[in-house]
């Protein structure tokens, strides 16, 4: 896959797992900043990775399970219909 930038051991493990995943077309690290408004006001977030696989795109945030709130990973599923799973890196 070439050189990838990562900021944590969790991200490193995620990228290593991607090396063994078929269909990966591209991986972009911190591809852009999302800006949005919530009931609490304006916020922004930078996803860890944008992964292009088999013609689909997935925005990925990689976190240890103790930092994942239930409502975060149970919210709307990605277009592939595969949900991230808690317990470290998020998988599709």
C-alpha atoms as a PDB file:
ATOM      1  CA  UNK A   1       0.000   0.000   0.000  1.00  0.00           C
ATOM      2  CA  UNK A   2       2.938   2.359   0.321  1.00  0.00           C
ATOM      3  CA  UNK A   3       3.748   4.873   3.036  1.00  0.00           C
ATOM      4  CA  UNK A   4       0.884   5.734   5.409  1.00  0.00           C
ATOM      5  CA  UNK A   5       0.824   8.304   8.188  1.00  0.00           C
ATOM      6  CA  UNK A   6      -0.587   7.302  11.571  1.00  0.00           C
ATOM      7  CA  UNK A   7      -0.763   8.986  14.976  1.00  0.00           C
ATOM      8  CA  UNK A   8      -1.464   6.112  17.368  1.00  0.00           C
ATOM      9  CA  UNK A   9      -0.796   2.423  17.818  1.00  0.00           C
ATOM     10  CA  UNK A  10      -4.507   1.855  17.085  1.00  0.00           C
ATOM     11  CA  UNK A  11      -4.177   3.581  13.716  1.00  0.00           C
ATOM     12  CA  UNK A  12      -1.005   1.619  13.000  1.00  0.00           C
ATOM     13  CA  UNK A  13      -2.826  -1.663  13.682  1.00  0.00           C
ATOM     14  CA  UNK A  14      -5.746  -0.586  11.524  1.00  0.00           C
ATOM     15  CA  UNK A  15      -3.426   0.190   8.603  1.00  0.00           C
ATOM     16  CA  UNK A  16      -1.642  -3.133   9.053  1.00  0.00           C
ATOM     17  CA  UNK A  17      -4.995  -4.922   8.867  1.00  0.00           C
ATOM     18  CA  UNK A  18      -5.786  -3.013   5.663  1.00  0.00           C
ATOM     19  CA  UNK A  19      -2.633  -4.446   4.121  1.00  0.00           C
ATOM     20  CA  UNK A  20      -4.337  -7.857   4.275  1.00  0.00           C
ATOM     21  CA  UNK A  21      -7.715  -6.672   2.978  1.00  0.00           C
ATOM     22  CA  UNK A  22      -8.545  -7.204  -0.660  1.00  0.00           C
ATOM     23  CA  UNK A  23     -10.099  -4.539  -2.842  1.00  0.00           C
ATOM     24  CA  UNK A  24      -8.405  -1.508  -1.268  1.00  0.00           C
ATOM     25  CA  UNK A  25      -7.942   1.178  -3.908  1.00  0.00           C
ATOM     26  CA  UNK A  26      -6.703   4.111  -1.807  1.00  0.00           C
ATOM     27  CA  UNK A  27      -6.221   5.210   1.804  1.00  0.00           C
ATOM     28  CA  UNK A  28      -6.052   8.905   2.668  1.00  0.00           C
ATOM     29  CA  UNK A  29      -4.943  10.026   6.136  1.00  0.00           C
ATOM     30  CA  UNK A  30      -6.957  12.891   7.681  1.00  0.00           C
ATOM     31  CA  UNK A  31      -8.548  13.658   4.306  1.00  0.00           C
ATOM     32  CA  UNK A  32     -10.567  16.747   5.288  1.00  0.00           C
ATOM     33  CA  UNK A  33     -12.331  18.548   8.127  1.00  0.00           C
ATOM     34  CA  UNK A  34     -16.091  18.147   8.529  1.00  0.00           C
ATOM     35  CA  UNK A  35     -17.907  21.232   9.807  1.00  0.00           C
ATOM     36  CA  UNK A  36     -21.426  20.875  11.149  1.00  0.00           C
ATOM     37  CA  UNK A  37     -23.931  22.391  13.551  1.00  0.00           C
ATOM     38  CA  UNK A  38     -25.432  20.561  16.513  1.00  0.00           C
ATOM     39  CA  UNK A  39     -27.829  21.661  19.228  1.00  0.00           C
ATOM     40  CA  UNK A  40     -24.715  22.718  21.139  1.00  0.00           C
ATOM     41  CA  UNK A  41     -23.413  24.932  18.331  1.00  0.00           C
ATOM     42  CA  UNK A  42     -20.855  24.738  15.543  1.00  0.00           C
ATOM     43  CA  UNK A  43     -18.376  21.859  15.651  1.00  0.00           C
ATOM     44  CA  UNK A  44     -15.784  20.246  13.432  1.00  0.00           C
ATOM     45  CA  UNK A  45     -14.153  16.847  13.140  1.00  0.00           C
ATOM     46  CA  UNK A  46     -11.325  15.412  11.049  1.00  0.00           C
ATOM     47  CA  UNK A  47     -11.777  11.708  10.244  1.00  0.00           C
ATOM     48  CA  UNK A  48      -8.682   9.525  10.615  1.00  0.00           C
ATOM     49  CA  UNK A  49      -8.898   7.910   7.181  1.00  0.00           C
ATOM     50  CA  UNK A  50     -10.845   7.852   3.949  1.00  0.00           C
ATOM     51  CA  UNK A  51     -10.673   4.332   2.530  1.00  0.00           C
ATOM     52  CA  UNK A  52     -11.713   3.594  -1.044  1.00  0.00           C
ATOM     53  CA  UNK A  53     -12.515  -0.070  -1.581  1.00  0.00           C
ATOM     54  CA  UNK A  54     -14.349  -1.892  -4.325  1.00  0.00           C
ATOM     55  CA  UNK A  55     -15.783   1.369  -5.677  1.00  0.00           C
ATOM     56  CA  UNK A  56     -17.127   2.520  -2.290  1.00  0.00           C
ATOM     57  CA  UNK A  57     -15.786   5.077   0.172  1.00  0.00           C
ATOM     58  CA  UNK A  58     -15.653   4.716   3.960  1.00  0.00           C
ATOM     59  CA  UNK A  59     -14.721   7.391   6.486  1.00  0.00           C
ATOM     60  CA  UNK A  60     -12.929   5.723   9.384  1.00  0.00           C
ATOM     61  CA  UNK A  61     -12.229   6.892  12.917  1.00  0.00           C
ATOM     62  CA  UNK A  62      -9.934   4.575  14.851  1.00  0.00           C
ATOM     63  CA  UNK A  63     -10.170   4.624  18.648  1.00  0.00           C
ATOM     64  CA  UNK A  64      -9.664   2.352  21.614  1.00  0.00           C
ATOM     65  CA  UNK A  65     -12.993   0.953  22.803  1.00  0.00           C
ATOM     66  CA  UNK A  66     -13.063   2.997  26.015  1.00  0.00           C
ATOM     67  CA  UNK A  67     -13.288   6.165  23.898  1.00  0.00           C
ATOM     68  CA  UNK A  68     -16.174   4.930  21.720  1.00  0.00           C
ATOM     69  CA  UNK A  69     -19.607   5.989  22.906  1.00  0.00           C
ATOM     70  CA  UNK A  70     -22.407   3.563  22.050  1.00  0.00           C
ATOM     71  CA  UNK A  71     -24.312   6.184  20.073  1.00  0.00           C
ATOM     72  CA  UNK A  72     -21.200   6.858  17.978  1.00  0.00           C
ATOM     73  CA  UNK A  73     -20.858   3.415  16.441  1.00  0.00           C
ATOM     74  CA  UNK A  74     -24.553   2.546  16.486  1.00  0.00           C
ATOM     75  CA  UNK A  75     -25.558   5.601  14.457  1.00  0.00           C
ATOM     76  CA  UNK A  76     -26.367   5.348  10.769  1.00  0.00           C
ATOM     77  CA  UNK A  77     -24.490   2.511   9.059  1.00  0.00           C
ATOM     78  CA  UNK A  78     -22.093   3.188   6.193  1.00  0.00           C
ATOM     79  CA  UNK A  79     -23.392   2.727   2.632  1.00  0.00           C
ATOM     80  CA  UNK A  80     -21.944  -0.786   2.548  1.00  0.00           C
ATOM     81  CA  UNK A  81     -24.327  -1.694   5.379  1.00  0.00           C
ATOM     82  CA  UNK A  82     -21.386  -2.950   7.432  1.00  0.00           C
ATOM     83  CA  UNK A  83     -21.176  -1.420  10.889  1.00  0.00           C
ATOM     84  CA  UNK A  84     -17.978  -0.639  12.745  1.00  0.00           C
ATOM     85  CA  UNK A  85     -17.410  -2.850  15.724  1.00  0.00           C
ATOM     86  CA  UNK A  86     -16.222  -1.684  19.131  1.00  0.00           C
ATOM     87  CA  UNK A  87     -13.079  -2.980  20.746  1.00  0.00           C
ATOM     88  CA  UNK A  88     -10.229  -1.091  19.132  1.00  0.00           C
ATOM     89  CA  UNK A  89      -9.975  -0.425  15.449  1.00  0.00           C
ATOM     90  CA  UNK A  90     -13.242  -0.098  13.597  1.00  0.00           C
ATOM     91  CA  UNK A  91     -13.807  -2.687  10.900  1.00  0.00           C
ATOM     92  CA  UNK A  92     -16.248  -2.827   8.019  1.00  0.00           C
END
